[in-house]
């Protein structure tokens, strides 16, 4: 595809595509907290619980990057 290998396209999608998706999900969580008038503690709980799964993906990306060095 346009001179890129399948591995390059896949790596681009995994790094930039999923990063964009994570940012969009964080926006959705923030919007949910704002519309439900969750307050500070409620907003913290929403972000902590709903965004906790994203921490694994981010940690995997950081570890992969560190091990390639």
PDB file of N, CA and C in Angstrom:
ATOM      1  N   UNK A   1       0.851  -1.174   0.000  1.00  0.00           N
ATOM      2  CA  UNK A   1       0.000   0.000   0.000  1.00  0.00           C
ATOM      3  C   UNK A   1       0.894   1.233   0.000  1.00  0.00           C
ATOM      4  N   UNK A   2       0.941   1.941  -1.092  1.00  0.00           N
ATOM      5  CA  UNK A   2       1.702   3.175  -1.240  1.00  0.00           C
ATOM      6  C   UNK A   2       3.184   2.994  -0.876  1.00  0.00           C
ATOM      7  N   UNK A   3       3.715   1.804  -1.103  1.00  0.00           N
ATOM      8  CA  UNK A   3       5.121   1.546  -0.840  1.00  0.00           C
ATOM      9  C   UNK A   3       5.446   1.181   0.592  1.00  0.00           C
ATOM     10  N   UNK A   4       4.447   0.990   1.431  1.00  0.00           N
ATOM     11  CA  UNK A   4       4.677   0.597   2.819  1.00  0.00           C
ATOM     12  C   UNK A   4       4.445  -0.894   2.964  1.00  0.00           C
ATOM     13  N   UNK A   5       5.193  -1.511   3.857  1.00  0.00           N
ATOM     14  CA  UNK A   5       4.969  -2.923   4.137  1.00  0.00           C
ATOM     15  C   UNK A   5       3.793  -3.074   5.104  1.00  0.00           C
ATOM     16  N   UNK A   6       3.309  -4.291   5.215  1.00  0.00           N
ATOM     17  CA  UNK A   6       2.195  -4.560   6.125  1.00  0.00           C
ATOM     18  C   UNK A   6       2.595  -4.288   7.568  1.00  0.00           C
ATOM     19  N   UNK A   7       3.847  -4.564   7.890  1.00  0.00           N
ATOM     20  CA  UNK A   7       4.337  -4.323   9.246  1.00  0.00           C
ATOM     21  C   UNK A   7       4.348  -2.832   9.576  1.00  0.00           C
ATOM     22  N   UNK A   8       4.744  -2.001   8.621  1.00  0.00           N
ATOM     23  CA  UNK A   8       4.777  -0.560   8.854  1.00  0.00           C
ATOM     24  C   UNK A   8       3.370   0.003   9.028  1.00  0.00           C
ATOM     25  N   UNK A   9       2.431  -0.461   8.205  1.00  0.00           N
ATOM     26  CA  UNK A   9       1.040   0.002   8.318  1.00  0.00           C
ATOM     27  C   UNK A   9       0.453  -0.432   9.653  1.00  0.00           C
ATOM     28  N   UNK A  10       0.746  -1.660  10.046  1.00  0.00           N
ATOM     29  CA  UNK A  10       0.230  -2.182  11.311  1.00  0.00           C
ATOM     30  C   UNK A  10       0.799  -1.411  12.502  1.00  0.00           C
ATOM     31  N   UNK A  11       2.098  -1.138  12.473  1.00  0.00           N
ATOM     32  CA  UNK A  11       2.712  -0.390  13.574  1.00  0.00           C
ATOM     33  C   UNK A  11       2.175   1.033  13.651  1.00  0.00           C
ATOM     34  N   UNK A  12       1.968   1.660  12.501  1.00  0.00           N
ATOM     35  CA  UNK A  12       1.383   3.001  12.478  1.00  0.00           C
ATOM     36  C   UNK A  12      -0.012   2.991  13.084  1.00  0.00           C
ATOM     37  N   UNK A  13      -0.821   2.012  12.702  1.00  0.00           N
ATOM     38  CA  UNK A  13      -2.171   1.919  13.249  1.00  0.00           C
ATOM     39  C   UNK A  13      -2.186   1.654  14.734  1.00  0.00           C
ATOM     40  N   UNK A  14      -1.269   0.791  15.188  1.00  0.00           N
ATOM     41  CA  UNK A  14      -1.228   0.475  16.613  1.00  0.00           C
ATOM     42  C   UNK A  14      -0.751   1.656  17.452  1.00  0.00           C
ATOM     43  N   UNK A  15       0.158   2.439  16.919  1.00  0.00           N
ATOM     44  CA  UNK A  15       0.673   3.542  17.730  1.00  0.00           C
ATOM     45  C   UNK A  15      -0.185   4.791  17.601  1.00  0.00           C
ATOM     46  N   UNK A  16      -0.410   5.272  16.395  1.00  0.00           N
ATOM     47  CA  UNK A  16      -1.145   6.525  16.227  1.00  0.00           C
ATOM     48  C   UNK A  16      -2.662   6.327  16.230  1.00  0.00           C
ATOM     49  N   UNK A  17      -3.135   5.261  15.617  1.00  0.00           N
ATOM     50  CA  UNK A  17      -4.576   5.020  15.567  1.00  0.00           C
ATOM     51  C   UNK A  17      -5.167   4.771  16.942  1.00  0.00           C
ATOM     52  N   UNK A  18      -4.539   3.876  17.691  1.00  0.00           N
ATOM     53  CA  UNK A  18      -5.055   3.586  19.026  1.00  0.00           C
ATOM     54  C   UNK A  18      -4.814   4.734  20.003  1.00  0.00           C
ATOM     55  N   UNK A  19      -3.752   5.482  19.805  1.00  0.00           N
ATOM     56  CA  UNK A  19      -3.531   6.660  20.650  1.00  0.00           C
ATOM     57  C   UNK A  19      -4.643   7.679  20.442  1.00  0.00           C
ATOM     58  N   UNK A  20      -5.016   7.895  19.190  1.00  0.00           N
ATOM     59  CA  UNK A  20      -6.132   8.794  18.897  1.00  0.00           C
ATOM     60  C   UNK A  20      -7.431   8.279  19.488  1.00  0.00           C
ATOM     61  N   UNK A  21      -7.639   6.968  19.419  1.00  0.00           N
ATOM     62  CA  UNK A  21      -8.845   6.366  19.982  1.00  0.00           C
ATOM     63  C   UNK A  21      -8.865   6.515  21.503  1.00  0.00           C
ATOM     64  N   UNK A  22      -7.721   6.362  22.153  1.00  0.00           N
ATOM     65  CA  UNK A  22      -7.650   6.534  23.606  1.00  0.00           C
ATOM     66  C   UNK A  22      -7.965   7.978  23.979  1.00  0.00           C
ATOM     67  N   UNK A  23      -7.420   8.925  23.238  1.00  0.00           N
ATOM     68  CA  UNK A  23      -7.728  10.331  23.512  1.00  0.00           C
ATOM     69  C   UNK A  23      -9.216  10.611  23.338  1.00  0.00           C
ATOM     70  N   UNK A  24      -9.822  10.021  22.324  1.00  0.00           N
ATOM     71  CA  UNK A  24     -11.257  10.186  22.112  1.00  0.00           C
ATOM     72  C   UNK A  24     -12.055   9.580  23.273  1.00  0.00           C
ATOM     73  N   UNK A  25     -11.625   8.417  23.767  1.00  0.00           N
ATOM     74  CA  UNK A  25     -12.321   7.806  24.902  1.00  0.00           C
ATOM     75  C   UNK A  25     -12.179   8.649  26.163  1.00  0.00           C
ATOM     76  N   UNK A  26     -11.003   9.285  26.352  1.00  0.00           N
ATOM     77  CA  UNK A  26     -10.843  10.177  27.499  1.00  0.00           C
ATOM     78  C   UNK A  26     -11.785  11.377  27.388  1.00  0.00           C
ATOM     79  N   UNK A  27     -11.958  11.887  26.178  1.00  0.00           N
ATOM     80  CA  UNK A  27     -12.920  12.968  25.965  1.00  0.00           C
ATOM     81  C   UNK A  27     -14.338  12.510  26.296  1.00  0.00           C
ATOM     82  N   UNK A  28     -14.684  11.299  25.917  1.00  0.00           N
ATOM     83  CA  UNK A  28     -16.020  10.765  26.216  1.00  0.00           C
ATOM     84  C   UNK A  28     -16.217  10.647  27.727  1.00  0.00           C
ATOM     85  N   UNK A  29     -15.210  10.168  28.450  1.00  0.00           N
ATOM     86  CA  UNK A  29     -15.306  10.049  29.904  1.00  0.00           C
ATOM     87  C   UNK A  29     -15.471  11.434  30.531  1.00  0.00           C
ATOM     88  N   UNK A  30     -14.687  12.411  30.054  1.00  0.00           N
ATOM     89  CA  UNK A  30     -14.800  13.779  30.586  1.00  0.00           C
ATOM     90  C   UNK A  30     -16.204  14.346  30.310  1.00  0.00           C
ATOM     91  N   UNK A  31     -16.709  14.117  29.110  1.00  0.00           N
ATOM     92  CA  UNK A  31     -18.039  14.614  28.755  1.00  0.00           C
ATOM     93  C   UNK A  31     -19.117  13.932  29.604  1.00  0.00           C
ATOM     94  N   UNK A  32     -18.967  12.650  29.864  1.00  0.00           N
ATOM     95  CA  UNK A  32     -19.901  11.919  30.712  1.00  0.00           C
ATOM     96  C   UNK A  32     -19.899  12.479  32.128  1.00  0.00           C
ATOM     97  N   UNK A  33     -18.711  12.772  32.647  1.00  0.00           N
ATOM     98  CA  UNK A  33     -18.621  13.338  34.003  1.00  0.00           C
ATOM     99  C   UNK A  33     -19.245  14.727  34.052  1.00  0.00           C
ATOM    100  N   UNK A  34     -19.030  15.509  33.001  1.00  0.00           N
ATOM    101  CA  UNK A  34     -19.574  16.866  32.972  1.00  0.00           C
ATOM    102  C   UNK A  34     -21.094  16.850  32.878  1.00  0.00           C
ATOM    103  N   UNK A  35     -21.635  16.022  32.000  1.00  0.00           N
ATOM    104  CA  UNK A  35     -23.088  15.988  31.816  1.00  0.00           C
ATOM    105  C   UNK A  35     -23.813  15.390  33.009  1.00  0.00           C
ATOM    106  N   UNK A  36     -23.174  14.475  33.719  1.00  0.00           N
ATOM    107  CA  UNK A  36     -23.824  13.863  34.879  1.00  0.00           C
ATOM    108  C   UNK A  36     -23.588  14.653  36.154  1.00  0.00           C
ATOM    109  N   UNK A  37     -22.810  15.759  36.064  1.00  0.00           N
ATOM    110  CA  UNK A  37     -22.490  16.596  37.222  1.00  0.00           C
ATOM    111  C   UNK A  37     -21.909  15.743  38.352  1.00  0.00           C
ATOM    112  N   UNK A  38     -20.860  14.991  38.011  1.00  0.00           N
ATOM    113  CA  UNK A  38     -20.292  14.016  38.933  1.00  0.00           C
ATOM    114  C   UNK A  38     -19.502  14.646  40.068  1.00  0.00           C
ATOM    115  N   UNK A  39     -19.049  15.866  39.920  1.00  0.00           N
ATOM    116  CA  UNK A  39     -18.219  16.481  40.958  1.00  0.00           C
ATOM    117  C   UNK A  39     -16.784  16.005  40.828  1.00  0.00           C
ATOM    118  N   UNK A  40     -15.943  16.475  41.738  1.00  0.00           N
ATOM    119  CA  UNK A  40     -14.522  16.127  41.647  1.00  0.00           C
ATOM    120  C   UNK A  40     -14.263  14.650  41.926  1.00  0.00           C
ATOM    121  N   UNK A  41     -14.856  14.134  42.990  1.00  0.00           N
ATOM    122  CA  UNK A  41     -14.627  12.733  43.343  1.00  0.00           C
ATOM    123  C   UNK A  41     -15.226  11.807  42.287  1.00  0.00           C
ATOM    124  N   UNK A  42     -16.418  12.114  41.843  1.00  0.00           N
ATOM    125  CA  UNK A  42     -17.050  11.294  40.821  1.00  0.00           C
ATOM    126  C   UNK A  42     -16.279  11.299  39.514  1.00  0.00           C
ATOM    127  N   UNK A  43     -15.754  12.458  39.140  1.00  0.00           N
ATOM    128  CA  UNK A  43     -14.943  12.556  37.928  1.00  0.00           C
ATOM    129  C   UNK A  43     -13.670  11.745  38.078  1.00  0.00           C
ATOM    130  N   UNK A  44     -13.040  11.833  39.258  1.00  0.00           N
ATOM    131  CA  UNK A  44     -11.839  11.041  39.507  1.00  0.00           C
ATOM    132  C   UNK A  44     -12.133   9.551  39.415  1.00  0.00           C
ATOM    133  N   UNK A  45     -13.233   9.117  40.002  1.00  0.00           N
ATOM    134  CA  UNK A  45     -13.597   7.698  39.972  1.00  0.00           C
ATOM    135  C   UNK A  45     -13.873   7.257  38.540  1.00  0.00           C
ATOM    136  N   UNK A  46     -14.596   8.068  37.774  1.00  0.00           N
ATOM    137  CA  UNK A  46     -14.859   7.727  36.379  1.00  0.00           C
ATOM    138  C   UNK A  46     -13.561   7.575  35.596  1.00  0.00           C
ATOM    139  N   UNK A  47     -12.668   8.533  35.724  1.00  0.00           N
ATOM    140  CA  UNK A  47     -11.404   8.447  34.998  1.00  0.00           C
ATOM    141  C   UNK A  47     -10.567   7.265  35.475  1.00  0.00           C
ATOM    142  N   UNK A  48     -10.521   7.039  36.787  1.00  0.00           N
ATOM    143  CA  UNK A  48      -9.701   5.951  37.315  1.00  0.00           C
ATOM    144  C   UNK A  48     -10.213   4.599  36.852  1.00  0.00           C
ATOM    145  N   UNK A  49     -11.510   4.382  36.973  1.00  0.00           N
ATOM    146  CA  UNK A  49     -12.081   3.070  36.645  1.00  0.00           C
ATOM    147  C   UNK A  49     -12.144   2.848  35.134  1.00  0.00           C
ATOM    148  N   UNK A  50     -12.675   3.823  34.405  1.00  0.00           N
ATOM    149  CA  UNK A  50     -12.867   3.613  32.965  1.00  0.00           C
ATOM    150  C   UNK A  50     -11.569   3.718  32.174  1.00  0.00           C
ATOM    151  N   UNK A  51     -10.623   4.492  32.660  1.00  0.00           N
ATOM    152  CA  UNK A  51      -9.368   4.650  31.923  1.00  0.00           C
ATOM    153  C   UNK A  51      -8.288   3.689  32.410  1.00  0.00           C
ATOM    154  N   UNK A  52      -8.591   2.858  33.386  1.00  0.00           N
ATOM    155  CA  UNK A  52      -7.580   1.952  33.931  1.00  0.00           C
ATOM    156  C   UNK A  52      -7.110   0.935  32.901  1.00  0.00           C
ATOM    157  N   UNK A  53      -7.987   0.510  32.015  1.00  0.00           N
ATOM    158  CA  UNK A  53      -7.603  -0.434  30.976  1.00  0.00           C
ATOM    159  C   UNK A  53      -6.618   0.142  29.983  1.00  0.00           C
ATOM    160  N   UNK A  54      -6.651   1.455  29.813  1.00  0.00           N
ATOM    161  CA  UNK A  54      -5.733   2.104  28.881  1.00  0.00           C
ATOM    162  C   UNK A  54      -4.308   2.107  29.408  1.00  0.00           C
ATOM    163  N   UNK A  55      -4.155   2.003  30.713  1.00  0.00           N
ATOM    164  CA  UNK A  55      -2.826   2.026  31.313  1.00  0.00           C
ATOM    165  C   UNK A  55      -2.005   0.833  30.825  1.00  0.00           C
ATOM    166  N   UNK A  56      -2.645  -0.316  30.665  1.00  0.00           N
ATOM    167  CA  UNK A  56      -1.943  -1.497  30.170  1.00  0.00           C
ATOM    168  C   UNK A  56      -1.401  -1.294  28.775  1.00  0.00           C
ATOM    169  N   UNK A  57      -2.203  -0.703  27.908  1.00  0.00           N
ATOM    170  CA  UNK A  57      -1.750  -0.445  26.539  1.00  0.00           C
ATOM    171  C   UNK A  57      -0.595   0.546  26.529  1.00  0.00           C
ATOM    172  N   UNK A  58      -0.710   1.599  27.312  1.00  0.00           N
ATOM    173  CA  UNK A  58       0.345   2.614  27.358  1.00  0.00           C
ATOM    174  C   UNK A  58       1.630   2.011  27.932  1.00  0.00           C
ATOM    175  N   UNK A  59       1.508   1.190  28.980  1.00  0.00           N
ATOM    176  CA  UNK A  59       2.682   0.555  29.578  1.00  0.00           C
ATOM    177  C   UNK A  59       3.342  -0.384  28.572  1.00  0.00           C
ATOM    178  N   UNK A  60       2.546  -1.098  27.797  1.00  0.00           N
ATOM    179  CA  UNK A  60       3.101  -1.996  26.779  1.00  0.00           C
ATOM    180  C   UNK A  60       3.871  -1.206  25.732  1.00  0.00           C
ATOM    181  N   UNK A  61       3.334  -0.082  25.296  1.00  0.00           N
ATOM    182  CA  UNK A  61       4.015   0.731  24.300  1.00  0.00           C
ATOM    183  C   UNK A  61       5.331   1.282  24.854  1.00  0.00           C
ATOM    184  N   UNK A  62       5.317   1.729  26.105  1.00  0.00           N
ATOM    185  CA  UNK A  62       6.528   2.280  26.714  1.00  0.00           C
ATOM    186  C   UNK A  62       7.579   1.191  26.879  1.00  0.00           C
ATOM    187  N   UNK A  63       7.181   0.018  27.366  1.00  0.00           N
ATOM    188  CA  UNK A  63       8.131  -1.083  27.533  1.00  0.00           C
ATOM    189  C   UNK A  63       8.708  -1.533  26.194  1.00  0.00           C
ATOM    190  N   UNK A  64       7.879  -1.605  25.173  1.00  0.00           N
ATOM    191  CA  UNK A  64       8.367  -1.971  23.841  1.00  0.00           C
ATOM    192  C   UNK A  64       9.366  -0.961  23.349  1.00  0.00           C
ATOM    193  N   UNK A  65       9.086   0.304  23.552  1.00  0.00           N
ATOM    194  CA  UNK A  65       9.990   1.368  23.119  1.00  0.00           C
ATOM    195  C   UNK A  65      11.315   1.293  23.892  1.00  0.00           C
ATOM    196  N   UNK A  66      11.245   1.059  25.197  1.00  0.00           N
ATOM    197  CA  UNK A  66      12.454   0.995  26.004  1.00  0.00           C
ATOM    198  C   UNK A  66      13.314  -0.219  25.629  1.00  0.00           C
ATOM    199  N   UNK A  67      12.683  -1.340  25.332  1.00  0.00           N
ATOM    200  CA  UNK A  67      13.439  -2.549  25.007  1.00  0.00           C
ATOM    201  C   UNK A  67      14.076  -2.479  23.626  1.00  0.00           C
ATOM    202  N   UNK A  68      13.535  -1.651  22.741  1.00  0.00           N
ATOM    203  CA  UNK A  68      14.140  -1.487  21.421  1.00  0.00           C
ATOM    204  C   UNK A  68      15.405  -0.642  21.487  1.00  0.00           C
ATOM    205  N   UNK A  69      15.563   0.137  22.549  1.00  0.00           N
ATOM    206  CA  UNK A  69      16.724   1.018  22.674  1.00  0.00           C
ATOM    207  C   UNK A  69      17.953   0.245  22.940  1.00  0.00           C
TER     208      UNK A  69
END
